[in-house]
Amino acid sequence: MPIQRPFASDYIVEEFREFAGCETEERLFYPGASPFGGRDGLMVRVAPATRQSWVGCFAFGLAGTDTNVVTTCPNPGELCVVSAGDGYIVRADDPQSWESVRCGRICDVKAAPAHGLLIFADDTNVVAYGCDGLQWQSPRVSSDGVELVAVDAECVEIVGWHPSEQKNVRVFVSLQDGEILSRASV
């Protein structure tokens, strides 16, 4: 599982294999931030600068993808874990404060550090999170699968399937507001 660090953070995060041997650390299961158990998932240890470290088990998505990643967020106090397509954003110093990424089955994640955005794609849409949470959600850009190809100064380039044309299309989405700037056949 890759750990990406495109943004500065107020914590250290590392992959974790099993709960055995971490009896002194708080253990939480997501979704829910429950200390009492949950579903199998990716496990990470988070060591915030201002509190004791904790271990989180982030449930695998039920309609999962092979997308598994841990990344820093635009807000230096938050981390994001994508576990088989389900995304979770958690405050490192307050692990009870968390939210699910408002995106369906996540199939791609890209950072746009110059814009302070973390961008997620599911099968049909793109959403972007900034320091204060959800910044925008695009209109439908595909009917089956979205690949985040590149991020530049103004937009994110996407390739997705267009059913009426029966082929992939290249879509450019504004980083400012998520609106579609242009669309062309691939």
N, C-alpha and C. Protein backbone atom coordinates (compact mmCIF):
# COMPACT_ATOMS: atom_id res chain seq x y z
N MET A 1 0.85 -1.17 0.00
CA MET A 1 0.00 0.00 0.00
C MET A 1 0.90 1.24 0.00
N PRO A 2 0.76 2.07 -1.01
CA PRO A 2 1.61 3.27 -1.03
C PRO A 2 1.14 4.32 -0.02
N ILE A 3 2.10 5.01 0.56
CA ILE A 3 1.82 6.17 1.40
C ILE A 3 2.36 7.38 0.65
N GLN A 4 1.45 8.28 0.28
CA GLN A 4 1.83 9.46 -0.49
C GLN A 4 1.84 10.67 0.44
N ARG A 5 2.80 11.56 0.21
CA ARG A 5 2.94 12.74 1.06
C ARG A 5 3.04 14.02 0.22
N PRO A 6 1.98 14.33 -0.57
CA PRO A 6 2.04 15.52 -1.41
C PRO A 6 1.85 16.83 -0.64
N PHE A 7 1.31 16.75 0.59
CA PHE A 7 1.04 17.93 1.41
C PHE A 7 1.80 17.79 2.74
N ALA A 8 2.14 18.92 3.35
CA ALA A 8 2.76 18.91 4.68
C ALA A 8 1.77 18.33 5.68
N SER A 9 2.30 17.69 6.73
CA SER A 9 1.41 17.09 7.73
C SER A 9 1.95 17.30 9.13
N ASP A 10 1.02 17.23 10.11
CA ASP A 10 1.35 17.38 11.53
C ASP A 10 1.42 16.02 12.22
N TYR A 11 1.73 14.97 11.50
CA TYR A 11 1.72 13.62 12.03
C TYR A 11 2.65 12.75 11.18
N ILE A 12 2.91 11.57 11.71
CA ILE A 12 3.64 10.53 10.97
C ILE A 12 2.66 9.38 10.78
N VAL A 13 2.63 8.80 9.60
CA VAL A 13 1.74 7.69 9.33
C VAL A 13 2.56 6.55 8.73
N GLU A 14 2.22 5.32 9.12
CA GLU A 14 2.91 4.16 8.58
C GLU A 14 1.93 3.00 8.47
N GLU A 15 2.24 2.11 7.55
CA GLU A 15 1.43 0.91 7.40
C GLU A 15 1.60 0.05 8.64
N PHE A 16 0.55 -0.67 9.00
CA PHE A 16 0.55 -1.50 10.20
C PHE A 16 -0.01 -2.85 9.82
N ARG A 17 0.51 -3.92 10.36
CA ARG A 17 0.12 -5.27 9.93
C ARG A 17 -0.93 -5.95 10.79
N GLU A 18 -0.82 -5.83 12.12
CA GLU A 18 -1.79 -6.51 12.97
C GLU A 18 -1.86 -5.84 14.33
N PHE A 19 -3.00 -6.01 15.00
CA PHE A 19 -3.22 -5.37 16.28
C PHE A 19 -2.36 -5.97 17.40
N ALA A 20 -1.94 -7.21 17.26
CA ALA A 20 -1.14 -7.85 18.31
C ALA A 20 0.10 -7.00 18.58
N GLY A 21 0.33 -6.70 19.83
CA GLY A 21 1.50 -5.92 20.20
C GLY A 21 1.26 -4.42 20.28
N CYS A 22 0.02 -3.98 20.07
CA CYS A 22 -0.25 -2.54 20.18
C CYS A 22 -1.29 -2.27 21.26
N GLU A 23 -1.21 -3.02 22.35
CA GLU A 23 -2.19 -2.90 23.43
C GLU A 23 -2.20 -1.53 24.08
N THR A 24 -1.12 -0.79 24.01
CA THR A 24 -1.06 0.52 24.66
C THR A 24 -1.60 1.64 23.77
N GLU A 25 -1.87 1.35 22.51
CA GLU A 25 -2.36 2.37 21.60
C GLU A 25 -3.86 2.23 21.40
N GLU A 26 -4.52 3.35 21.20
CA GLU A 26 -5.94 3.33 20.87
C GLU A 26 -6.11 2.64 19.53
N ARG A 27 -7.12 1.75 19.45
CA ARG A 27 -7.42 1.03 18.21
C ARG A 27 -8.83 1.38 17.78
N LEU A 28 -8.97 1.82 16.52
CA LEU A 28 -10.27 2.25 16.03
C LEU A 28 -10.57 1.61 14.69
N PHE A 29 -11.85 1.32 14.47
CA PHE A 29 -12.31 0.70 13.23
C PHE A 29 -13.20 1.70 12.48
N TYR A 30 -12.90 1.86 11.20
CA TYR A 30 -13.68 2.77 10.35
C TYR A 30 -14.40 1.96 9.29
N PRO A 31 -15.63 2.36 8.95
CA PRO A 31 -16.31 3.57 9.37
C PRO A 31 -16.78 3.46 10.82
N GLY A 32 -16.98 4.60 11.43
CA GLY A 32 -17.52 4.67 12.77
C GLY A 32 -16.54 5.08 13.85
N ALA A 33 -15.25 4.89 13.63
CA ALA A 33 -14.24 5.16 14.67
C ALA A 33 -14.56 4.39 15.94
N SER A 34 -15.00 3.14 15.77
CA SER A 34 -15.39 2.30 16.90
C SER A 34 -14.19 1.60 17.51
N PRO A 35 -14.08 1.61 18.83
CA PRO A 35 -13.01 0.85 19.48
C PRO A 35 -13.38 -0.62 19.68
N PHE A 36 -14.62 -1.00 19.31
CA PHE A 36 -15.13 -2.33 19.63
C PHE A 36 -15.06 -3.33 18.49
N GLY A 37 -14.59 -2.92 17.35
CA GLY A 37 -14.45 -3.86 16.23
C GLY A 37 -15.17 -3.37 15.00
N GLY A 38 -14.84 -4.04 13.90
CA GLY A 38 -15.43 -3.67 12.62
C GLY A 38 -14.98 -4.67 11.57
N ARG A 39 -15.07 -4.24 10.31
CA ARG A 39 -14.70 -5.11 9.19
C ARG A 39 -13.19 -5.09 8.96
N ASP A 40 -12.73 -6.08 8.22
CA ASP A 40 -11.33 -6.12 7.81
C ASP A 40 -11.03 -4.93 6.92
N GLY A 41 -9.78 -4.49 6.94
CA GLY A 41 -9.40 -3.36 6.11
C GLY A 41 -7.93 -3.05 6.20
N LEU A 42 -7.55 -1.94 5.59
CA LEU A 42 -6.16 -1.48 5.69
C LEU A 42 -5.90 -0.97 7.09
N MET A 43 -4.72 -1.24 7.58
CA MET A 43 -4.36 -0.80 8.92
C MET A 43 -3.19 0.18 8.84
N VAL A 44 -3.33 1.28 9.59
CA VAL A 44 -2.26 2.27 9.65
C VAL A 44 -2.07 2.72 11.10
N ARG A 45 -0.84 3.10 11.40
CA ARG A 45 -0.53 3.72 12.70
C ARG A 45 -0.31 5.20 12.42
N VAL A 46 -0.93 6.03 13.24
CA VAL A 46 -0.82 7.48 13.09
C VAL A 46 -0.23 8.03 14.38
N ALA A 47 0.83 8.81 14.23
CA ALA A 47 1.50 9.43 15.38
C ALA A 47 1.43 10.95 15.22
N PRO A 48 0.37 11.57 15.81
CA PRO A 48 0.24 13.03 15.74
C PRO A 48 1.27 13.70 16.65
N ALA A 49 1.55 14.94 16.37
CA ALA A 49 2.53 15.69 17.16
C ALA A 49 1.99 15.99 18.56
N THR A 50 0.66 16.05 18.73
CA THR A 50 0.08 16.55 19.98
C THR A 50 -0.63 15.52 20.84
N ARG A 51 -0.58 14.25 20.45
CA ARG A 51 -1.24 13.22 21.27
C ARG A 51 -0.57 11.88 21.02
N GLN A 52 -0.97 10.88 21.82
CA GLN A 52 -0.43 9.53 21.67
C GLN A 52 -0.84 8.95 20.32
N SER A 53 0.00 8.08 19.79
CA SER A 53 -0.30 7.44 18.51
C SER A 53 -1.52 6.53 18.65
N TRP A 54 -2.14 6.25 17.51
CA TRP A 54 -3.30 5.37 17.46
C TRP A 54 -3.22 4.52 16.20
N VAL A 55 -3.98 3.43 16.19
CA VAL A 55 -3.99 2.52 15.05
C VAL A 55 -5.42 2.46 14.52
N GLY A 56 -5.56 2.62 13.20
CA GLY A 56 -6.87 2.56 12.58
C GLY A 56 -6.96 1.40 11.60
N CYS A 57 -8.11 0.74 11.60
CA CYS A 57 -8.41 -0.29 10.62
C CYS A 57 -9.54 0.27 9.74
N PHE A 58 -9.24 0.51 8.47
CA PHE A 58 -10.15 1.17 7.54
C PHE A 58 -10.77 0.12 6.63
N ALA A 59 -12.08 -0.10 6.80
CA ALA A 59 -12.79 -1.19 6.12
C ALA A 59 -12.62 -1.14 4.61
N PHE A 60 -12.41 -2.31 4.04
CA PHE A 60 -12.37 -2.44 2.59
C PHE A 60 -13.74 -2.09 2.03
N GLY A 61 -13.77 -1.46 0.86
CA GLY A 61 -15.02 -1.16 0.19
C GLY A 61 -15.75 -2.43 -0.18
N LEU A 62 -17.06 -2.44 -0.02
CA LEU A 62 -17.85 -3.65 -0.30
C LEU A 62 -17.93 -3.93 -1.79
N ALA A 63 -17.94 -2.88 -2.61
CA ALA A 63 -17.90 -3.04 -4.06
C ALA A 63 -16.51 -2.61 -4.50
N GLY A 64 -15.52 -3.17 -3.83
CA GLY A 64 -14.17 -2.67 -3.88
C GLY A 64 -13.49 -2.61 -5.23
N THR A 65 -12.46 -1.80 -5.24
CA THR A 65 -11.53 -1.72 -6.35
C THR A 65 -10.17 -2.11 -5.80
N ASP A 66 -9.18 -2.10 -6.62
CA ASP A 66 -7.84 -2.37 -6.13
C ASP A 66 -7.13 -1.09 -5.70
N THR A 67 -7.90 -0.01 -5.52
CA THR A 67 -7.32 1.27 -5.10
C THR A 67 -7.14 1.29 -3.59
N ASN A 68 -5.89 1.24 -3.18
CA ASN A 68 -5.50 1.30 -1.78
C ASN A 68 -4.38 2.33 -1.68
N VAL A 69 -4.61 3.37 -0.90
CA VAL A 69 -3.60 4.40 -0.75
C VAL A 69 -3.83 5.15 0.56
N VAL A 70 -2.76 5.61 1.16
CA VAL A 70 -2.81 6.53 2.29
C VAL A 70 -2.13 7.79 1.81
N THR A 71 -2.73 8.94 2.06
CA THR A 71 -2.15 10.20 1.61
C THR A 71 -2.38 11.31 2.62
N THR A 72 -1.44 12.24 2.63
CA THR A 72 -1.66 13.46 3.38
C THR A 72 -2.73 14.26 2.67
N CYS A 73 -3.31 15.21 3.38
CA CYS A 73 -4.41 16.03 2.85
C CYS A 73 -3.99 17.50 2.82
N PRO A 74 -4.75 18.33 2.11
CA PRO A 74 -4.44 19.76 2.12
C PRO A 74 -4.43 20.36 3.53
N ASN A 75 -5.31 19.87 4.42
CA ASN A 75 -5.29 20.27 5.82
C ASN A 75 -4.19 19.45 6.50
N PRO A 76 -3.14 20.09 7.05
CA PRO A 76 -2.01 19.34 7.60
C PRO A 76 -2.35 18.45 8.79
N GLY A 77 -3.53 18.62 9.37
CA GLY A 77 -3.95 17.79 10.49
C GLY A 77 -4.78 16.59 10.08
N GLU A 78 -4.99 16.39 8.77
CA GLU A 78 -5.83 15.29 8.30
C GLU A 78 -5.05 14.32 7.43
N LEU A 79 -5.49 13.06 7.45
CA LEU A 79 -4.97 12.06 6.53
C LEU A 79 -6.15 11.42 5.82
N CYS A 80 -5.86 10.83 4.67
CA CYS A 80 -6.88 10.14 3.90
C CYS A 80 -6.43 8.71 3.67
N VAL A 81 -7.34 7.77 3.89
CA VAL A 81 -7.08 6.36 3.61
C VAL A 81 -8.15 5.90 2.62
N VAL A 82 -7.69 5.35 1.49
CA VAL A 82 -8.60 4.71 0.54
C VAL A 82 -8.33 3.22 0.62
N SER A 83 -9.36 2.47 1.01
CA SER A 83 -9.24 1.04 1.28
C SER A 83 -10.19 0.29 0.36
N ALA A 84 -9.63 -0.32 -0.69
CA ALA A 84 -10.41 -1.06 -1.69
C ALA A 84 -11.59 -0.23 -2.19
N GLY A 85 -11.32 1.05 -2.45
CA GLY A 85 -12.32 1.92 -3.04
C GLY A 85 -13.14 2.77 -2.10
N ASP A 86 -13.12 2.52 -0.80
CA ASP A 86 -13.81 3.38 0.16
C ASP A 86 -12.81 4.36 0.73
N GLY A 87 -13.18 5.64 0.80
CA GLY A 87 -12.27 6.68 1.27
C GLY A 87 -12.70 7.26 2.60
N TYR A 88 -11.70 7.53 3.46
CA TYR A 88 -11.93 8.07 4.79
C TYR A 88 -10.96 9.22 5.01
N ILE A 89 -11.45 10.34 5.50
CA ILE A 89 -10.60 11.46 5.89
C ILE A 89 -10.74 11.61 7.40
N VAL A 90 -9.59 11.61 8.10
CA VAL A 90 -9.58 11.57 9.56
C VAL A 90 -8.64 12.64 10.10
N ARG A 91 -9.05 13.29 11.19
CA ARG A 91 -8.15 14.21 11.90
C ARG A 91 -7.14 13.35 12.66
N ALA A 92 -5.88 13.58 12.43
CA ALA A 92 -4.84 12.78 13.07
C ALA A 92 -4.83 12.95 14.58
N ASP A 93 -5.11 14.16 15.06
CA ASP A 93 -5.08 14.43 16.50
C ASP A 93 -6.43 14.21 17.18
N ASP A 94 -7.46 13.87 16.42
CA ASP A 94 -8.79 13.60 16.95
C ASP A 94 -9.45 12.54 16.06
N PRO A 95 -9.04 11.27 16.19
CA PRO A 95 -9.51 10.23 15.27
C PRO A 95 -11.01 9.95 15.32
N GLN A 96 -11.71 10.50 16.32
CA GLN A 96 -13.17 10.40 16.33
C GLN A 96 -13.79 11.37 15.33
N SER A 97 -13.00 12.33 14.86
CA SER A 97 -13.47 13.30 13.88
C SER A 97 -13.06 12.81 12.49
N TRP A 98 -14.00 12.28 11.75
CA TRP A 98 -13.70 11.67 10.46
C TRP A 98 -14.93 11.81 9.55
N GLU A 99 -14.72 11.59 8.27
CA GLU A 99 -15.81 11.55 7.31
C GLU A 99 -15.47 10.62 6.17
N SER A 100 -16.50 10.08 5.55
CA SER A 100 -16.31 9.29 4.33
C SER A 100 -16.15 10.26 3.17
N VAL A 101 -15.25 9.92 2.24
CA VAL A 101 -15.10 10.73 1.04
C VAL A 101 -16.40 10.61 0.25
N ARG A 102 -16.96 11.75 -0.15
CA ARG A 102 -18.24 11.76 -0.88
C ARG A 102 -18.01 11.46 -2.36
N CYS A 103 -17.69 10.23 -2.57
CA CYS A 103 -17.39 9.73 -3.91
C CYS A 103 -17.79 8.26 -3.88
N GLY A 104 -18.31 7.76 -4.96
CA GLY A 104 -18.66 6.34 -5.01
C GLY A 104 -17.42 5.47 -4.84
N ARG A 105 -17.39 4.39 -5.50
CA ARG A 105 -16.28 3.43 -5.48
C ARG A 105 -15.04 4.12 -6.07
N ILE A 106 -14.13 4.55 -5.22
CA ILE A 106 -12.97 5.34 -5.66
C ILE A 106 -12.05 4.47 -6.52
N CYS A 107 -11.76 4.97 -7.72
CA CYS A 107 -10.87 4.22 -8.62
C CYS A 107 -9.57 4.97 -8.89
N ASP A 108 -9.47 6.24 -8.47
CA ASP A 108 -8.23 6.99 -8.70
C ASP A 108 -8.17 8.17 -7.74
N VAL A 109 -6.95 8.54 -7.35
CA VAL A 109 -6.70 9.67 -6.45
C VAL A 109 -5.48 10.42 -6.97
N LYS A 110 -5.58 11.75 -7.04
CA LYS A 110 -4.44 12.57 -7.43
C LYS A 110 -4.43 13.82 -6.57
N ALA A 111 -3.23 14.29 -6.27
CA ALA A 111 -3.07 15.53 -5.51
C ALA A 111 -2.77 16.67 -6.48
N ALA A 112 -3.28 17.84 -6.13
CA ALA A 112 -2.97 19.09 -6.84
C ALA A 112 -2.46 20.06 -5.78
N PRO A 113 -1.20 19.86 -5.31
CA PRO A 113 -0.69 20.66 -4.20
C PRO A 113 -0.70 22.17 -4.46
N ALA A 114 -0.44 22.58 -5.69
CA ALA A 114 -0.42 24.02 -6.00
C ALA A 114 -1.80 24.64 -5.81
N HIS A 115 -2.85 23.83 -5.88
CA HIS A 115 -4.22 24.32 -5.71
C HIS A 115 -4.79 23.93 -4.35
N GLY A 116 -4.01 23.19 -3.55
CA GLY A 116 -4.49 22.75 -2.24
C GLY A 116 -5.66 21.80 -2.35
N LEU A 117 -5.62 20.89 -3.34
CA LEU A 117 -6.74 19.96 -3.56
C LEU A 117 -6.28 18.52 -3.62
N LEU A 118 -7.09 17.64 -3.06
CA LEU A 118 -6.94 16.20 -3.21
C LEU A 118 -8.15 15.76 -4.02
N ILE A 119 -7.90 15.12 -5.18
CA ILE A 119 -8.94 14.83 -6.15
C ILE A 119 -9.20 13.33 -6.21
N PHE A 120 -10.49 12.97 -6.18
CA PHE A 120 -10.91 11.57 -6.20
C PHE A 120 -11.81 11.34 -7.41
N ALA A 121 -11.70 10.17 -8.03
CA ALA A 121 -12.57 9.79 -9.14
C ALA A 121 -13.24 8.46 -8.82
N ASP A 122 -14.53 8.38 -9.16
CA ASP A 122 -15.23 7.10 -9.12
C ASP A 122 -15.55 6.72 -10.56
N ASP A 123 -16.55 5.91 -10.80
CA ASP A 123 -16.85 5.47 -12.16
C ASP A 123 -17.46 6.56 -13.03
N THR A 124 -18.02 7.61 -12.41
CA THR A 124 -18.75 8.60 -13.19
C THR A 124 -18.39 10.06 -12.90
N ASN A 125 -17.86 10.36 -11.72
CA ASN A 125 -17.65 11.74 -11.28
C ASN A 125 -16.27 11.95 -10.68
N VAL A 126 -15.99 13.21 -10.43
CA VAL A 126 -14.75 13.62 -9.78
C VAL A 126 -15.13 14.57 -8.64
N VAL A 127 -14.49 14.42 -7.48
CA VAL A 127 -14.69 15.35 -6.37
C VAL A 127 -13.32 15.84 -5.90
N ALA A 128 -13.32 17.03 -5.31
CA ALA A 128 -12.06 17.60 -4.80
C ALA A 128 -12.26 18.08 -3.37
N TYR A 129 -11.27 17.76 -2.53
CA TYR A 129 -11.25 18.20 -1.15
C TYR A 129 -10.10 19.17 -0.94
N GLY A 130 -10.36 20.22 -0.17
CA GLY A 130 -9.34 21.20 0.19
C GLY A 130 -9.18 21.24 1.70
N CYS A 131 -8.57 22.31 2.21
CA CYS A 131 -8.33 22.45 3.66
C CYS A 131 -9.61 22.39 4.48
N ASP A 132 -10.71 22.87 3.92
CA ASP A 132 -11.97 22.94 4.66
C ASP A 132 -12.97 21.87 4.24
N GLY A 133 -12.49 20.79 3.64
CA GLY A 133 -13.39 19.71 3.26
C GLY A 133 -13.73 19.72 1.78
N LEU A 134 -14.93 19.21 1.46
CA LEU A 134 -15.35 19.10 0.07
C LEU A 134 -15.40 20.49 -0.57
N GLN A 135 -14.68 20.65 -1.69
CA GLN A 135 -14.64 21.93 -2.41
C GLN A 135 -15.60 21.94 -3.59
N TRP A 136 -15.66 20.83 -4.32
CA TRP A 136 -16.57 20.75 -5.46
C TRP A 136 -16.76 19.30 -5.89
N GLN A 137 -17.84 19.10 -6.63
CA GLN A 137 -18.12 17.81 -7.28
C GLN A 137 -18.44 18.12 -8.73
N SER A 138 -17.81 17.40 -9.64
CA SER A 138 -18.04 17.64 -11.07
C SER A 138 -19.40 17.10 -11.49
N PRO A 139 -19.89 17.58 -12.62
CA PRO A 139 -21.02 16.88 -13.24
C PRO A 139 -20.53 15.51 -13.72
N ARG A 140 -21.43 14.69 -14.16
CA ARG A 140 -21.07 13.36 -14.68
C ARG A 140 -20.07 13.52 -15.83
N VAL A 141 -18.93 12.84 -15.74
CA VAL A 141 -17.91 12.93 -16.79
C VAL A 141 -17.75 11.63 -17.57
N SER A 142 -18.33 10.55 -17.06
CA SER A 142 -18.19 9.25 -17.71
C SER A 142 -19.35 8.37 -17.27
N SER A 143 -19.56 7.29 -18.00
CA SER A 143 -20.59 6.36 -17.57
C SER A 143 -20.00 5.07 -17.01
N ASP A 144 -18.69 4.89 -17.18
CA ASP A 144 -18.08 3.67 -16.67
C ASP A 144 -16.58 3.82 -16.57
N GLY A 145 -16.12 4.29 -15.46
CA GLY A 145 -14.69 4.37 -15.21
C GLY A 145 -14.11 5.73 -15.55
N VAL A 146 -13.38 6.28 -14.60
CA VAL A 146 -12.71 7.56 -14.76
C VAL A 146 -11.24 7.36 -14.40
N GLU A 147 -10.38 7.81 -15.27
CA GLU A 147 -8.95 7.81 -14.98
C GLU A 147 -8.49 9.26 -14.92
N LEU A 148 -7.87 9.63 -13.80
CA LEU A 148 -7.30 10.98 -13.66
C LEU A 148 -5.93 10.94 -14.33
N VAL A 149 -5.83 11.54 -15.50
CA VAL A 149 -4.61 11.45 -16.31
C VAL A 149 -3.55 12.44 -15.87
N ALA A 150 -3.94 13.71 -15.68
CA ALA A 150 -2.96 14.74 -15.35
C ALA A 150 -3.65 15.92 -14.68
N VAL A 151 -2.86 16.68 -13.93
CA VAL A 151 -3.31 17.92 -13.31
C VAL A 151 -2.37 19.01 -13.79
N ASP A 152 -2.94 20.13 -14.28
CA ASP A 152 -2.08 21.25 -14.67
C ASP A 152 -2.52 22.50 -13.93
N ALA A 153 -2.15 23.67 -14.44
CA ALA A 153 -2.41 24.93 -13.74
C ALA A 153 -3.90 25.26 -13.61
N GLU A 154 -4.73 24.77 -14.53
CA GLU A 154 -6.14 25.14 -14.54
C GLU A 154 -7.12 23.99 -14.40
N CYS A 155 -6.69 22.78 -14.77
CA CYS A 155 -7.68 21.71 -14.84
C CYS A 155 -7.07 20.34 -14.55
N VAL A 156 -7.99 19.39 -14.38
CA VAL A 156 -7.61 17.99 -14.28
C VAL A 156 -8.09 17.33 -15.56
N GLU A 157 -7.20 16.56 -16.17
CA GLU A 157 -7.51 15.84 -17.40
C GLU A 157 -7.97 14.44 -17.05
N ILE A 158 -9.11 14.05 -17.63
CA ILE A 158 -9.76 12.79 -17.31
C ILE A 158 -10.02 12.02 -18.59
N VAL A 159 -9.91 10.70 -18.51
CA VAL A 159 -10.36 9.85 -19.60
C VAL A 159 -11.44 8.94 -19.04
N GLY A 160 -12.57 8.86 -19.75
CA GLY A 160 -13.68 8.03 -19.32
C GLY A 160 -14.49 7.54 -20.51
N TRP A 161 -15.39 6.61 -20.26
CA TRP A 161 -16.20 5.99 -21.31
C TRP A 161 -17.45 6.82 -21.58
N HIS A 162 -17.75 7.02 -22.86
CA HIS A 162 -18.95 7.73 -23.28
C HIS A 162 -19.82 6.75 -24.06
N PRO A 163 -20.98 6.33 -23.51
CA PRO A 163 -21.76 5.26 -24.13
C PRO A 163 -22.35 5.60 -25.49
N SER A 164 -22.81 6.82 -25.69
CA SER A 164 -23.43 7.12 -26.98
C SER A 164 -22.41 7.14 -28.12
N GLU A 165 -21.16 7.46 -27.78
CA GLU A 165 -20.11 7.42 -28.80
C GLU A 165 -19.42 6.07 -28.85
N GLN A 166 -19.67 5.23 -27.86
CA GLN A 166 -19.06 3.90 -27.74
C GLN A 166 -17.52 3.97 -27.78
N LYS A 167 -16.99 4.96 -27.10
CA LYS A 167 -15.53 5.09 -26.99
C LYS A 167 -15.17 5.98 -25.82
N ASN A 168 -13.88 5.98 -25.51
CA ASN A 168 -13.39 6.84 -24.45
C ASN A 168 -13.37 8.29 -24.92
N VAL A 169 -13.58 9.18 -23.95
CA VAL A 169 -13.49 10.61 -24.21
C VAL A 169 -12.50 11.23 -23.23
N ARG A 170 -11.89 12.31 -23.65
CA ARG A 170 -10.99 13.08 -22.80
C ARG A 170 -11.77 14.30 -22.32
N VAL A 171 -11.82 14.48 -21.01
CA VAL A 171 -12.59 15.57 -20.42
C VAL A 171 -11.63 16.41 -19.57
N PHE A 172 -11.79 17.73 -19.68
CA PHE A 172 -10.99 18.66 -18.88
C PHE A 172 -11.94 19.34 -17.89
N VAL A 173 -11.63 19.19 -16.59
CA VAL A 173 -12.48 19.71 -15.52
C VAL A 173 -11.71 20.82 -14.80
N SER A 174 -12.39 21.94 -14.57
CA SER A 174 -11.78 23.09 -13.89
C SER A 174 -11.40 22.75 -12.46
N LEU A 175 -10.18 23.10 -12.07
CA LEU A 175 -9.76 22.89 -10.68
C LEU A 175 -10.42 23.91 -9.74
N GLN A 176 -10.91 24.99 -10.30
CA GLN A 176 -11.52 26.03 -9.48
C GLN A 176 -12.90 25.64 -8.97
N ASP A 177 -13.73 25.04 -9.86
CA ASP A 177 -15.11 24.78 -9.46
C ASP A 177 -15.66 23.42 -9.90
N GLY A 178 -14.87 22.60 -10.59
CA GLY A 178 -15.33 21.27 -11.00
C GLY A 178 -16.15 21.25 -12.27
N GLU A 179 -16.33 22.39 -12.92
CA GLU A 179 -17.13 22.43 -14.15
C GLU A 179 -16.33 21.85 -15.32
N ILE A 180 -17.03 21.26 -16.27
CA ILE A 180 -16.39 20.71 -17.45
C ILE A 180 -15.99 21.87 -18.39
N LEU A 181 -14.69 21.92 -18.73
CA LEU A 181 -14.19 22.96 -19.62
C LEU A 181 -14.28 22.53 -21.08
N SER A 182 -13.97 21.26 -21.35
CA SER A 182 -14.08 20.75 -22.70
C SER A 182 -14.13 19.23 -22.67
N ARG A 183 -14.58 18.67 -23.80
CA ARG A 183 -14.71 17.21 -23.94
C ARG A 183 -14.37 16.87 -25.39
N ALA A 184 -13.58 15.84 -25.62
CA ALA A 184 -13.22 15.43 -26.98
C ALA A 184 -13.03 13.92 -27.02
N SER A 185 -13.26 13.31 -28.15
CA SER A 185 -13.03 11.88 -28.34
C SER A 185 -11.55 11.58 -28.23
N VAL A 186 -11.24 10.41 -27.73
CA VAL A 186 -9.84 9.99 -27.62
C VAL A 186 -9.42 9.32 -28.91
